């Protein structure tokens, strides 16, 4: 996936488009965003940095992605805890 394809996908996520709703919707939308940046966006940025020989940037992107995964996990737990469907 190219950087432009990643950017286009990110720009179509709910919060980026200014779509909000009730709190249940917002938790689910935030989870979509966090999952995307943790599993697609930052890993792809890291891959690109490594391909350019920018090892330290690659590591940085990997570490930021891990933090984003923590956000996704917290939101996933909230979905379960608060019985959000």
Protein backbone atom coordinates (compact mmCIF):
# COMPACT_ATOMS: atom_id res chain seq x y z
CA UNK A 1 0.00 0.00 0.00
CA UNK A 2 1.43 3.36 -0.96
CA UNK A 3 1.61 6.32 1.36
CA UNK A 4 -1.15 8.01 -0.62
CA UNK A 5 -3.41 4.95 -0.35
CA UNK A 6 -2.82 4.91 3.41
CA UNK A 7 -3.61 8.60 3.67
CA UNK A 8 -6.82 8.19 1.66
CA UNK A 9 -7.92 5.31 3.86
CA UNK A 10 -7.16 7.30 7.01
CA UNK A 11 -9.04 10.32 5.70
CA UNK A 12 -12.17 8.20 5.26
CA UNK A 13 -12.35 7.19 8.92
CA UNK A 14 -15.34 8.54 10.88
CA UNK A 15 -13.64 11.09 13.15
CA UNK A 16 -11.50 12.48 10.38
CA UNK A 17 -14.61 13.09 8.31
CA UNK A 18 -16.23 14.89 11.25
CA UNK A 19 -18.79 12.14 11.79
CA UNK A 20 -19.81 11.82 15.41
CA UNK A 21 -22.82 10.45 17.14
CA UNK A 22 -23.83 9.31 20.56
CA UNK A 23 -21.21 8.03 22.98
CA UNK A 24 -21.63 4.40 21.92
CA UNK A 25 -21.06 5.33 18.28
CA UNK A 26 -18.06 7.46 19.22
CA UNK A 27 -16.42 4.63 21.18
CA UNK A 28 -16.86 2.27 18.22
CA UNK A 29 -15.61 4.89 15.75
CA UNK A 30 -12.58 5.65 17.93
CA UNK A 31 -11.84 1.93 18.08
CA UNK A 32 -11.87 1.75 14.27
CA UNK A 33 -9.42 4.66 14.10
CA UNK A 34 -7.09 3.30 16.77
CA UNK A 35 -7.14 -0.20 15.27
CA UNK A 36 -6.30 1.22 11.86
CA UNK A 37 -3.39 3.36 13.01
CA UNK A 38 -2.03 0.56 15.22
CA UNK A 39 -2.29 -2.28 12.71
CA UNK A 40 -1.93 -0.55 9.33
CA UNK A 41 -0.76 3.05 9.49
CA UNK A 42 2.24 2.92 11.85
CA UNK A 43 3.47 -0.50 10.68
CA UNK A 44 3.42 0.79 7.11
CA UNK A 45 5.23 3.99 8.10
CA UNK A 46 7.85 1.87 9.86
CA UNK A 47 8.24 -0.34 6.80
CA UNK A 48 8.75 2.72 4.60
CA UNK A 49 11.32 4.20 6.99
CA UNK A 50 13.28 0.94 7.12
CA UNK A 51 13.21 0.71 3.32
CA UNK A 52 14.73 4.21 3.19
CA UNK A 53 17.46 3.13 5.61
CA UNK A 54 16.02 5.26 8.43
CA UNK A 55 16.20 2.66 11.17
CA UNK A 56 15.62 5.03 14.07
CA UNK A 57 12.48 6.43 12.46
CA UNK A 58 11.31 2.88 11.76
CA UNK A 59 11.71 2.03 15.44
CA UNK A 60 9.92 5.22 16.43
CA UNK A 61 6.95 4.39 14.22
CA UNK A 62 6.86 0.84 15.64
CA UNK A 63 6.84 2.19 19.21
CA UNK A 64 4.13 4.74 18.48
CA UNK A 65 2.09 1.93 16.91
CA UNK A 66 2.40 -0.06 20.12
CA UNK A 67 1.00 2.89 22.04
CA UNK A 68 -1.88 3.13 19.61
CA UNK A 69 -2.55 -0.57 20.15
CA UNK A 70 -2.91 0.19 23.85
CA UNK A 71 -5.55 2.80 22.99
CA UNK A 72 -7.39 0.28 20.81
CA UNK A 73 -7.28 -2.31 23.59
CA UNK A 74 -8.69 0.19 26.10
CA UNK A 75 -11.56 1.05 23.74
CA UNK A 76 -12.20 -2.63 23.01
CA UNK A 77 -12.43 -3.23 26.76
CA UNK A 78 -14.87 -0.32 27.08
CA UNK A 79 -17.08 -1.86 24.39
CA UNK A 80 -17.28 -5.03 26.47
CA UNK A 81 -17.56 -3.33 29.87
CA UNK A 82 -20.36 -1.00 28.82
CA UNK A 83 -22.13 -3.54 26.57
CA UNK A 84 -21.80 -1.37 23.49
CA UNK A 85 -23.17 -3.08 20.40
